[in-house]
N, C-alpha and C. Protein backbone atom coordinates (compact mmCIF):
# COMPACT_ATOMS: atom_id res chain seq x y z
N MET A 1 240.38 151.20 43.13
CA MET A 1 239.37 151.64 44.11
C MET A 1 239.30 153.17 44.18
N LEU A 2 240.49 153.83 44.21
CA LEU A 2 240.51 155.29 44.33
C LEU A 2 239.86 155.96 43.12
N LEU A 3 240.14 155.43 41.92
CA LEU A 3 239.55 156.01 40.71
C LEU A 3 238.04 155.79 40.69
N ASN A 4 237.60 154.63 41.16
CA ASN A 4 236.16 154.36 41.24
C ASN A 4 235.47 155.36 42.17
N LEU A 5 236.07 155.59 43.33
CA LEU A 5 235.50 156.54 44.29
C LEU A 5 235.50 157.95 43.72
N LEU A 6 236.58 158.30 43.01
CA LEU A 6 236.67 159.63 42.42
C LEU A 6 235.57 159.85 41.39
N LEU A 7 235.35 158.87 40.51
CA LEU A 7 234.30 159.01 39.51
C LEU A 7 232.93 159.02 40.16
N LEU A 8 232.76 158.27 41.24
CA LEU A 8 231.48 158.27 41.95
C LEU A 8 231.18 159.66 42.52
N ILE A 9 232.19 160.29 43.10
CA ILE A 9 232.01 161.65 43.64
C ILE A 9 231.72 162.64 42.52
N ILE A 10 232.47 162.52 41.42
CA ILE A 10 232.24 163.39 40.26
C ILE A 10 230.83 163.20 39.72
N ALA A 11 230.37 161.95 39.68
CA ALA A 11 229.02 161.65 39.19
C ALA A 11 227.96 162.33 40.06
N TYR A 12 228.12 162.23 41.37
CA TYR A 12 227.14 162.88 42.26
C TYR A 12 227.17 164.40 42.09
N LEU A 13 228.38 164.97 42.03
CA LEU A 13 228.49 166.42 41.90
C LEU A 13 227.94 166.90 40.55
N LEU A 14 228.21 166.14 39.48
CA LEU A 14 227.65 166.50 38.17
C LEU A 14 226.13 166.41 38.21
N GLY A 15 225.63 165.35 38.84
CA GLY A 15 224.18 165.22 38.97
C GLY A 15 223.57 166.37 39.76
N SER A 16 224.34 166.89 40.72
CA SER A 16 223.85 167.98 41.57
C SER A 16 223.78 169.33 40.86
N VAL A 17 224.48 169.44 39.71
CA VAL A 17 224.44 170.72 38.98
C VAL A 17 223.01 170.97 38.49
N PRO A 18 222.37 172.04 38.94
CA PRO A 18 220.97 172.31 38.57
C PRO A 18 220.88 173.04 37.23
N PHE A 19 220.99 172.28 36.15
CA PHE A 19 221.01 172.90 34.83
C PHE A 19 219.75 173.72 34.56
N GLY A 20 218.60 173.25 35.04
CA GLY A 20 217.37 174.00 34.84
C GLY A 20 217.45 175.37 35.46
N LEU A 21 217.97 175.43 36.68
CA LEU A 21 218.12 176.70 37.38
C LEU A 21 219.12 177.61 36.66
N LEU A 22 220.25 177.03 36.24
CA LEU A 22 221.29 177.82 35.57
C LEU A 22 220.82 178.34 34.22
N ILE A 23 220.21 177.46 33.43
CA ILE A 23 219.73 177.87 32.10
C ILE A 23 218.66 178.94 32.23
N GLY A 24 217.76 178.77 33.18
CA GLY A 24 216.71 179.77 33.39
C GLY A 24 217.26 181.12 33.76
N ARG A 25 218.23 181.13 34.66
CA ARG A 25 218.80 182.40 35.12
C ARG A 25 219.65 183.06 34.04
N VAL A 26 220.52 182.29 33.39
CA VAL A 26 221.48 182.87 32.45
C VAL A 26 220.81 183.32 31.16
N PHE A 27 219.93 182.48 30.60
CA PHE A 27 219.39 182.77 29.28
C PHE A 27 217.99 183.39 29.30
N TYR A 28 217.26 183.23 30.41
CA TYR A 28 215.87 183.69 30.43
C TYR A 28 215.58 184.63 31.59
N GLN A 29 216.60 184.89 32.43
CA GLN A 29 216.40 185.73 33.62
C GLN A 29 215.19 185.27 34.43
N THR A 30 215.06 183.94 34.54
CA THR A 30 213.94 183.34 35.24
C THR A 30 214.46 182.30 36.23
N ASP A 31 213.98 182.40 37.47
CA ASP A 31 214.32 181.41 38.48
C ASP A 31 213.18 180.39 38.51
N LEU A 32 213.46 179.17 38.09
CA LEU A 32 212.41 178.15 38.02
C LEU A 32 211.73 177.92 39.36
N ARG A 33 212.43 178.19 40.44
CA ARG A 33 211.85 177.97 41.76
C ARG A 33 210.75 178.96 42.08
N ASP A 34 210.68 180.04 41.31
CA ASP A 34 209.65 181.05 41.53
C ASP A 34 208.50 180.92 40.53
N TYR A 35 208.52 179.84 39.76
CA TYR A 35 207.53 179.72 38.68
C TYR A 35 206.87 178.33 38.74
N GLY A 36 205.58 178.29 38.46
CA GLY A 36 204.87 177.01 38.36
C GLY A 36 205.00 176.17 39.63
N SER A 37 205.47 174.94 39.46
CA SER A 37 205.61 174.02 40.58
C SER A 37 206.82 174.34 41.46
N GLY A 38 207.71 175.20 40.97
CA GLY A 38 208.92 175.51 41.71
C GLY A 38 210.02 174.50 41.53
N ASN A 39 209.77 173.46 40.72
CA ASN A 39 210.76 172.42 40.49
C ASN A 39 211.77 172.86 39.43
N ILE A 40 213.00 172.36 39.53
CA ILE A 40 214.06 172.77 38.60
C ILE A 40 214.18 171.86 37.39
N GLY A 41 213.29 170.88 37.28
CA GLY A 41 213.42 169.88 36.22
C GLY A 41 212.77 170.27 34.90
N THR A 42 212.70 169.28 34.02
CA THR A 42 212.28 169.51 32.64
C THR A 42 210.85 170.03 32.52
N THR A 43 209.91 169.43 33.25
CA THR A 43 208.51 169.82 33.09
C THR A 43 208.30 171.29 33.43
N ASN A 44 208.84 171.72 34.56
CA ASN A 44 208.67 173.12 34.94
C ASN A 44 209.46 174.03 34.02
N ALA A 45 210.58 173.53 33.48
CA ALA A 45 211.35 174.33 32.52
C ALA A 45 210.53 174.59 31.26
N PHE A 46 209.79 173.58 30.79
CA PHE A 46 208.92 173.79 29.63
C PHE A 46 207.87 174.85 29.94
N ARG A 47 207.31 174.82 31.15
CA ARG A 47 206.30 175.80 31.53
C ARG A 47 206.88 177.20 31.59
N ALA A 48 208.05 177.33 32.21
CA ALA A 48 208.61 178.65 32.48
C ALA A 48 209.42 179.21 31.33
N LEU A 49 210.11 178.34 30.62
CA LEU A 49 211.07 178.80 29.61
C LEU A 49 210.61 178.57 28.18
N GLY A 50 209.55 177.81 27.98
CA GLY A 50 209.08 177.50 26.64
C GLY A 50 209.74 176.24 26.09
N ARG A 51 209.41 175.92 24.85
CA ARG A 51 209.88 174.66 24.26
C ARG A 51 211.39 174.58 24.15
N THR A 52 212.00 175.66 23.67
CA THR A 52 213.45 175.64 23.46
C THR A 52 214.18 175.49 24.79
N GLY A 53 213.80 176.29 25.75
CA GLY A 53 214.43 176.22 27.06
C GLY A 53 214.19 174.88 27.74
N GLY A 54 212.97 174.39 27.65
CA GLY A 54 212.64 173.11 28.25
C GLY A 54 213.42 171.96 27.63
N LEU A 55 213.56 172.01 26.30
CA LEU A 55 214.32 170.97 25.60
C LEU A 55 215.80 171.04 25.98
N PHE A 56 216.32 172.24 26.12
CA PHE A 56 217.72 172.43 26.51
C PHE A 56 217.97 171.82 27.89
N VAL A 57 217.07 172.07 28.82
CA VAL A 57 217.19 171.51 30.17
C VAL A 57 217.11 169.99 30.12
N PHE A 58 216.17 169.46 29.34
CA PHE A 58 216.02 168.01 29.21
C PHE A 58 217.31 167.37 28.70
N VAL A 59 217.88 167.94 27.65
CA VAL A 59 219.09 167.36 27.07
C VAL A 59 220.24 167.40 28.08
N CYS A 60 220.40 168.51 28.78
CA CYS A 60 221.49 168.61 29.77
C CYS A 60 221.31 167.60 30.90
N ASP A 61 220.09 167.50 31.41
CA ASP A 61 219.84 166.56 32.51
C ASP A 61 219.98 165.11 32.05
N MET A 62 219.60 164.84 30.81
CA MET A 62 219.74 163.50 30.27
C MET A 62 221.21 163.14 30.07
N LEU A 63 221.97 164.08 29.49
CA LEU A 63 223.36 163.79 29.15
C LEU A 63 224.26 163.66 30.36
N LYS A 64 223.94 164.35 31.44
CA LYS A 64 224.84 164.27 32.59
C LYS A 64 224.87 162.86 33.17
N ALA A 65 223.77 162.13 33.08
CA ALA A 65 223.77 160.73 33.51
C ALA A 65 224.32 159.83 32.41
N GLY A 66 223.91 160.09 31.19
CA GLY A 66 224.34 159.24 30.08
C GLY A 66 225.84 159.27 29.86
N LEU A 67 226.44 160.45 29.93
CA LEU A 67 227.87 160.56 29.67
C LEU A 67 228.71 159.91 30.77
N ILE A 68 228.25 159.99 32.01
CA ILE A 68 228.96 159.32 33.10
C ILE A 68 228.94 157.81 32.88
N VAL A 69 227.80 157.27 32.48
CA VAL A 69 227.70 155.84 32.19
C VAL A 69 228.62 155.48 31.03
N LEU A 70 228.64 156.32 30.00
CA LEU A 70 229.51 156.07 28.85
C LEU A 70 230.98 156.07 29.26
N ILE A 71 231.39 157.01 30.09
CA ILE A 71 232.77 157.06 30.57
C ILE A 71 233.11 155.79 31.35
N ALA A 72 232.21 155.37 32.23
CA ALA A 72 232.45 154.17 33.04
C ALA A 72 232.55 152.92 32.17
N GLN A 73 231.79 152.90 31.06
CA GLN A 73 231.83 151.76 30.15
C GLN A 73 233.09 151.77 29.28
N SER A 74 233.63 152.95 29.02
CA SER A 74 234.68 153.09 28.02
C SER A 74 236.09 152.90 28.55
N PHE A 75 236.27 153.09 29.85
CA PHE A 75 237.61 153.03 30.41
C PHE A 75 237.70 151.90 31.44
N THR A 76 238.61 150.99 31.20
CA THR A 76 238.72 149.80 32.04
C THR A 76 239.26 150.10 33.44
N VAL A 77 239.77 151.31 33.65
CA VAL A 77 240.25 151.65 35.00
C VAL A 77 239.09 151.76 35.99
N PHE A 78 237.88 151.95 35.47
CA PHE A 78 236.70 152.00 36.34
C PHE A 78 236.09 150.60 36.39
N THR A 79 236.23 149.96 37.52
CA THR A 79 235.87 148.54 37.62
C THR A 79 234.49 148.30 38.24
N TRP A 80 233.86 149.34 38.76
CA TRP A 80 232.51 149.17 39.29
C TRP A 80 231.51 149.18 38.13
N HIS A 81 230.35 148.63 38.39
CA HIS A 81 229.31 148.58 37.37
C HIS A 81 228.94 150.00 36.92
N PRO A 82 228.81 150.24 35.60
CA PRO A 82 228.50 151.60 35.11
C PRO A 82 227.25 152.22 35.73
N LEU A 83 226.27 151.40 36.06
CA LEU A 83 225.03 151.94 36.62
C LEU A 83 225.20 152.46 38.04
N VAL A 84 226.25 152.04 38.72
CA VAL A 84 226.54 152.60 40.04
C VAL A 84 226.78 154.10 39.91
N TYR A 85 227.54 154.47 38.89
CA TYR A 85 227.82 155.89 38.66
C TYR A 85 226.57 156.62 38.14
N GLY A 86 225.77 155.91 37.35
CA GLY A 86 224.54 156.50 36.85
C GLY A 86 223.58 156.83 37.97
N ILE A 87 223.44 155.92 38.93
CA ILE A 87 222.51 156.17 40.03
C ILE A 87 223.05 157.29 40.92
N ALA A 88 224.37 157.45 40.98
CA ALA A 88 224.95 158.57 41.73
C ALA A 88 224.55 159.91 41.11
N VAL A 89 224.54 159.96 39.78
CA VAL A 89 224.08 161.17 39.09
C VAL A 89 222.62 161.45 39.43
N ILE A 90 221.80 160.42 39.38
CA ILE A 90 220.37 160.58 39.65
C ILE A 90 220.13 161.06 41.08
N LEU A 91 220.88 160.49 42.03
CA LEU A 91 220.75 160.94 43.42
C LEU A 91 221.19 162.39 43.56
N GLY A 92 222.26 162.76 42.84
CA GLY A 92 222.69 164.15 42.87
C GLY A 92 221.64 165.08 42.29
N HIS A 93 221.03 164.66 41.20
CA HIS A 93 219.99 165.47 40.57
C HIS A 93 218.78 165.65 41.49
N SER A 94 218.40 164.59 42.18
CA SER A 94 217.21 164.63 43.03
C SER A 94 217.48 165.27 44.39
N PHE A 95 218.71 165.10 44.87
CA PHE A 95 219.07 165.61 46.20
C PHE A 95 220.40 166.37 46.07
N SER A 96 220.33 167.52 45.43
CA SER A 96 221.52 168.28 45.07
C SER A 96 222.18 168.92 46.28
N ILE A 97 223.49 168.72 46.37
CA ILE A 97 224.26 169.36 47.45
C ILE A 97 224.27 170.87 47.29
N PHE A 98 224.03 171.37 46.07
CA PHE A 98 224.04 172.80 45.81
C PHE A 98 222.68 173.46 46.12
N LEU A 99 221.66 172.64 46.36
CA LEU A 99 220.31 173.16 46.61
C LEU A 99 219.76 172.65 47.93
N LYS A 100 220.64 172.46 48.90
CA LYS A 100 220.25 171.97 50.22
C LYS A 100 219.52 170.63 50.12
N PHE A 101 220.04 169.79 49.24
CA PHE A 101 219.55 168.43 49.04
C PHE A 101 218.11 168.37 48.52
N LYS A 102 217.75 169.40 47.76
CA LYS A 102 216.52 169.37 46.99
C LYS A 102 216.91 169.25 45.52
N GLY A 103 215.94 169.04 44.65
CA GLY A 103 216.30 168.92 43.24
C GLY A 103 215.13 168.52 42.37
N GLY A 104 215.46 167.92 41.23
CA GLY A 104 214.45 167.53 40.25
C GLY A 104 213.86 166.16 40.55
N LYS A 105 213.06 165.69 39.62
CA LYS A 105 212.32 164.44 39.85
C LYS A 105 212.92 163.24 39.15
N ALA A 106 214.10 163.42 38.56
CA ALA A 106 214.96 162.30 38.11
C ALA A 106 214.54 161.61 36.83
N VAL A 107 213.51 162.09 36.16
CA VAL A 107 213.02 161.37 34.98
C VAL A 107 214.00 161.51 33.80
N ALA A 108 214.41 162.73 33.48
CA ALA A 108 215.32 162.94 32.35
C ALA A 108 216.67 162.26 32.60
N SER A 109 217.19 162.39 33.81
CA SER A 109 218.48 161.77 34.14
C SER A 109 218.38 160.25 34.09
N SER A 110 217.27 159.70 34.55
CA SER A 110 217.07 158.25 34.51
C SER A 110 217.02 157.76 33.06
N PHE A 111 216.33 158.52 32.22
CA PHE A 111 216.28 158.16 30.80
C PHE A 111 217.67 158.20 30.18
N GLY A 112 218.45 159.22 30.52
CA GLY A 112 219.81 159.32 29.97
C GLY A 112 220.67 158.15 30.39
N MET A 113 220.60 157.78 31.67
CA MET A 113 221.36 156.63 32.16
C MET A 113 220.97 155.37 31.39
N GLY A 114 219.68 155.15 31.25
CA GLY A 114 219.21 153.95 30.56
C GLY A 114 219.53 153.96 29.08
N LEU A 115 219.45 155.13 28.46
CA LEU A 115 219.69 155.22 27.03
C LEU A 115 221.10 154.80 26.67
N PHE A 116 222.06 155.09 27.54
CA PHE A 116 223.45 154.75 27.26
C PHE A 116 223.82 153.34 27.73
N TYR A 117 222.90 152.70 28.48
CA TYR A 117 223.21 151.36 28.98
C TYR A 117 222.28 150.30 28.38
N ALA A 118 220.99 150.58 28.36
CA ALA A 118 220.00 149.64 27.82
C ALA A 118 219.07 150.43 26.91
N PRO A 119 219.53 150.80 25.71
CA PRO A 119 218.79 151.74 24.87
C PRO A 119 217.39 151.27 24.47
N LEU A 120 217.23 150.00 24.14
CA LEU A 120 215.92 149.54 23.69
C LEU A 120 214.89 149.65 24.82
N ILE A 121 215.25 149.20 26.00
CA ILE A 121 214.34 149.29 27.14
C ILE A 121 214.00 150.74 27.44
N SER A 122 215.00 151.61 27.37
CA SER A 122 214.78 153.03 27.65
C SER A 122 213.87 153.67 26.62
N LEU A 123 214.06 153.34 25.34
CA LEU A 123 213.22 153.90 24.29
C LEU A 123 211.78 153.41 24.40
N LEU A 124 211.61 152.15 24.78
CA LEU A 124 210.26 151.64 25.00
C LEU A 124 209.61 152.31 26.22
N GLY A 125 210.43 152.57 27.22
CA GLY A 125 209.92 153.29 28.39
C GLY A 125 209.48 154.69 28.04
N ILE A 126 210.27 155.39 27.23
CA ILE A 126 209.90 156.75 26.83
C ILE A 126 208.70 156.70 25.88
N GLY A 127 208.57 155.62 25.11
CA GLY A 127 207.37 155.44 24.29
C GLY A 127 206.12 155.33 25.15
N ALA A 128 206.22 154.55 26.24
CA ALA A 128 205.09 154.44 27.17
C ALA A 128 204.79 155.79 27.80
N PHE A 129 205.84 156.56 28.09
CA PHE A 129 205.66 157.90 28.64
C PHE A 129 204.80 158.76 27.71
N PHE A 130 205.15 158.81 26.43
CA PHE A 130 204.42 159.66 25.49
C PHE A 130 203.00 159.15 25.25
N LEU A 131 202.83 157.84 25.26
CA LEU A 131 201.49 157.27 25.08
C LEU A 131 200.57 157.68 26.22
N VAL A 132 201.06 157.51 27.45
CA VAL A 132 200.25 157.89 28.62
C VAL A 132 200.07 159.40 28.68
N LEU A 133 201.11 160.15 28.30
CA LEU A 133 200.99 161.61 28.29
C LEU A 133 199.89 162.06 27.33
N TYR A 134 199.83 161.42 26.17
CA TYR A 134 198.82 161.82 25.18
C TYR A 134 197.41 161.59 25.72
N PHE A 135 197.18 160.43 26.32
CA PHE A 135 195.82 160.09 26.75
C PHE A 135 195.45 160.68 28.11
N SER A 136 196.42 160.83 29.01
CA SER A 136 196.09 161.37 30.33
C SER A 136 196.35 162.86 30.44
N ARG A 137 197.31 163.36 29.61
CA ARG A 137 197.76 164.75 29.63
C ARG A 137 198.41 165.12 30.97
N MET A 138 198.87 164.09 31.72
CA MET A 138 199.53 164.34 33.00
C MET A 138 200.98 163.86 32.92
N VAL A 139 201.93 164.79 33.01
CA VAL A 139 203.34 164.44 32.92
C VAL A 139 203.75 163.52 34.06
N SER A 140 203.22 163.76 35.24
CA SER A 140 203.58 162.95 36.40
C SER A 140 203.19 161.48 36.20
N LEU A 141 201.97 161.24 35.77
CA LEU A 141 201.51 159.87 35.53
C LEU A 141 202.32 159.23 34.42
N ALA A 142 202.61 159.98 33.37
CA ALA A 142 203.41 159.46 32.26
C ALA A 142 204.82 159.11 32.72
N SER A 143 205.40 159.94 33.58
CA SER A 143 206.76 159.70 34.08
C SER A 143 206.82 158.41 34.89
N ILE A 144 205.88 158.24 35.79
CA ILE A 144 205.84 157.03 36.63
C ILE A 144 205.63 155.80 35.76
N THR A 145 204.72 155.92 34.79
CA THR A 145 204.46 154.80 33.89
C THR A 145 205.70 154.44 33.08
N GLY A 146 206.43 155.44 32.63
CA GLY A 146 207.63 155.20 31.82
C GLY A 146 208.68 154.40 32.57
N VAL A 147 208.98 154.78 33.81
CA VAL A 147 210.01 154.05 34.55
C VAL A 147 209.53 152.67 34.97
N LEU A 148 208.25 152.54 35.29
CA LEU A 148 207.71 151.23 35.63
C LEU A 148 207.72 150.30 34.42
N THR A 149 207.45 150.85 33.25
CA THR A 149 207.51 150.06 32.01
C THR A 149 208.92 149.53 31.78
N ALA A 150 209.92 150.40 31.97
CA ALA A 150 211.31 149.97 31.81
C ALA A 150 211.65 148.85 32.79
N LEU A 151 211.19 148.97 34.02
CA LEU A 151 211.45 147.93 35.03
C LEU A 151 210.81 146.61 34.62
N VAL A 152 209.55 146.66 34.24
CA VAL A 152 208.85 145.42 33.85
C VAL A 152 209.52 144.77 32.66
N LEU A 153 209.91 145.56 31.67
CA LEU A 153 210.59 145.02 30.49
C LEU A 153 211.92 144.37 30.87
N SER A 154 212.64 144.98 31.79
CA SER A 154 213.92 144.40 32.22
C SER A 154 213.70 143.07 32.93
N LEU A 155 212.62 142.97 33.69
CA LEU A 155 212.33 141.72 34.41
C LEU A 155 211.88 140.62 33.46
N LEU A 156 211.18 141.01 32.40
CA LEU A 156 210.64 140.02 31.46
C LEU A 156 211.64 139.56 30.41
N PHE A 157 212.51 140.47 29.97
CA PHE A 157 213.29 140.18 28.76
C PHE A 157 214.81 140.25 28.94
N THR A 158 215.29 140.49 30.17
CA THR A 158 216.74 140.47 30.38
C THR A 158 217.07 139.61 31.59
N SER A 159 218.31 139.19 31.65
CA SER A 159 218.81 138.48 32.83
C SER A 159 219.83 139.33 33.57
N ASP A 160 219.79 140.63 33.29
CA ASP A 160 220.72 141.58 33.91
C ASP A 160 220.14 141.97 35.28
N HIS A 161 220.52 141.25 36.30
CA HIS A 161 219.93 141.47 37.62
C HIS A 161 220.34 142.81 38.22
N PHE A 162 221.52 143.28 37.87
CA PHE A 162 221.93 144.58 38.40
C PHE A 162 221.11 145.70 37.77
N LEU A 163 220.85 145.60 36.48
CA LEU A 163 219.96 146.57 35.82
C LEU A 163 218.59 146.57 36.48
N GLN A 164 218.08 145.37 36.76
CA GLN A 164 216.77 145.27 37.40
C GLN A 164 216.77 145.94 38.77
N LEU A 165 217.84 145.71 39.54
CA LEU A 165 217.94 146.33 40.86
C LEU A 165 218.00 147.85 40.75
N ILE A 166 218.79 148.35 39.82
CA ILE A 166 218.91 149.80 39.65
C ILE A 166 217.57 150.40 39.23
N LEU A 167 216.84 149.69 38.37
CA LEU A 167 215.54 150.19 37.94
C LEU A 167 214.52 150.20 39.08
N VAL A 168 214.64 149.24 39.99
CA VAL A 168 213.79 149.28 41.19
C VAL A 168 214.09 150.55 41.99
N ILE A 169 215.38 150.85 42.15
CA ILE A 169 215.77 152.06 42.88
C ILE A 169 215.27 153.31 42.15
N VAL A 170 215.42 153.33 40.82
CA VAL A 170 214.95 154.47 40.03
C VAL A 170 213.44 154.66 40.22
N CYS A 171 212.69 153.57 40.14
CA CYS A 171 211.24 153.66 40.32
C CYS A 171 210.88 154.22 41.69
N LEU A 172 211.59 153.78 42.71
CA LEU A 172 211.32 154.28 44.06
C LEU A 172 211.62 155.78 44.16
N ILE A 173 212.73 156.20 43.56
CA ILE A 173 213.08 157.62 43.59
C ILE A 173 212.04 158.45 42.84
N VAL A 174 211.68 158.00 41.64
CA VAL A 174 210.71 158.75 40.83
C VAL A 174 209.35 158.82 41.53
N ILE A 175 208.91 157.72 42.10
CA ILE A 175 207.63 157.72 42.81
C ILE A 175 207.70 158.61 44.04
N LEU A 176 208.81 158.54 44.79
CA LEU A 176 208.99 159.40 45.96
C LEU A 176 208.96 160.87 45.57
N ARG A 177 209.64 161.21 44.49
CA ARG A 177 209.70 162.61 44.07
C ARG A 177 208.35 163.09 43.51
N HIS A 178 207.48 162.15 43.14
CA HIS A 178 206.17 162.51 42.60
C HIS A 178 205.04 162.28 43.61
N ARG A 179 205.36 162.14 44.89
CA ARG A 179 204.34 161.76 45.86
C ARG A 179 203.20 162.79 45.95
N THR A 180 203.54 164.09 45.86
CA THR A 180 202.47 165.09 45.91
C THR A 180 201.64 165.05 44.62
N ASN A 181 202.29 164.74 43.50
CA ASN A 181 201.55 164.60 42.24
C ASN A 181 200.58 163.42 42.31
N ILE A 182 201.03 162.33 42.94
CA ILE A 182 200.17 161.15 43.08
C ILE A 182 198.93 161.50 43.90
N GLU A 183 199.12 162.28 44.95
CA GLU A 183 197.97 162.71 45.76
C GLU A 183 196.99 163.51 44.91
N ARG A 184 197.52 164.40 44.06
CA ARG A 184 196.64 165.21 43.21
C ARG A 184 195.97 164.36 42.13
N ILE A 185 196.68 163.36 41.61
CA ILE A 185 196.06 162.45 40.63
C ILE A 185 194.87 161.74 41.27
N LEU A 186 195.06 161.27 42.49
CA LEU A 186 194.01 160.51 43.17
C LEU A 186 192.80 161.38 43.50
N ASN A 187 193.03 162.67 43.79
CA ASN A 187 191.87 163.52 44.12
C ASN A 187 191.39 164.33 42.93
N GLY A 188 191.99 164.08 41.75
CA GLY A 188 191.51 164.69 40.51
C GLY A 188 191.93 166.12 40.29
N SER A 189 192.97 166.58 40.99
CA SER A 189 193.37 167.98 40.85
C SER A 189 194.73 168.16 40.16
N GLU A 190 195.29 167.08 39.63
CA GLU A 190 196.59 167.19 38.97
C GLU A 190 196.49 168.04 37.70
N SER A 191 197.47 168.90 37.49
CA SER A 191 197.47 169.76 36.30
C SER A 191 197.73 168.93 35.04
N LYS A 192 197.20 169.42 33.92
CA LYS A 192 197.33 168.71 32.65
C LYS A 192 197.95 169.62 31.60
N VAL A 193 198.66 169.01 30.68
CA VAL A 193 199.25 169.78 29.59
C VAL A 193 198.16 170.17 28.60
N PRO A 194 198.36 171.26 27.86
CA PRO A 194 197.30 171.75 26.97
C PRO A 194 197.26 171.06 25.61
N PHE A 195 197.68 169.83 25.53
CA PHE A 195 197.62 169.08 24.28
C PHE A 195 197.35 167.62 24.61
N GLY A 196 197.01 166.87 23.56
CA GLY A 196 196.73 165.46 23.77
C GLY A 196 195.26 165.14 23.62
N PHE A 197 194.86 163.97 24.08
CA PHE A 197 193.51 163.47 23.93
C PHE A 197 192.51 164.37 24.65
N ARG A 198 191.50 164.81 23.91
CA ARG A 198 190.43 165.65 24.44
C ARG A 198 190.92 167.00 24.97
N ALA A 199 192.06 167.44 24.51
CA ALA A 199 192.52 168.78 24.86
C ALA A 199 191.70 169.80 24.10
N LYS A 200 191.41 170.90 24.74
CA LYS A 200 190.63 171.94 24.09
C LYS A 200 191.48 172.62 23.03
N LYS A 201 190.90 172.79 21.87
CA LYS A 201 191.61 173.41 20.75
C LYS A 201 191.64 174.93 20.93
C-alpha cells in the first residue's frame, strides 16, 4: 500500500512538471504563458517555439505519463492498476501544483498513457486526430475527436472495463480543458493551423 501511494504521489508530481514552460524558458527564452493562447501544452509550444520546440514538449509530456505506466506494469510491488498512476500524471499535467493548479490540456499525456497500455487503440486515436486536423485545421476539434475515438474503440473491441472507465475520465478532462475552444468552434471563431484541407498556399 505504501509503495502504491508513493508512486501515485510521484506520478502526480511528475505530471505537474510544466515541461513546456521549462523548455521555453531554458532553450528559447520564451514564457509560453505570454504567447498565443497562454497554454503550456504542445499546441502553444508549436506556435511559440516552432516545430523542434513543440515536438520536444510533446515528447516530454507524452513520456511522463507513458513511463509511469511502464514502471507500474514492470514491477510487481505496485499492485494498483497501471492506469491509476497514468491518470494521476494527467491530473498533474492539467492541474499542476507548481502552477496554482493550472496546466495543459492533457492530450499528449493521455496519448502517452494509452500508448504504453493500449497501443493499438491509442494509435488509432491519434490517426483520427490527424485526419480531423487535416480537414478541419482545428487542433482542439482534432484533440477531442482523438480521445473520443479511443473511448469508442475501447467500448467496441475490448472487455477492459477499467480502461473504458479511465478513457471516460480522460474524455471529460480533455473536453473540460477545451471548453473555451468548443465555444469558439460553435461560433466559428476558433483558430486554425496554416496547413491542411483548403489551407492557403
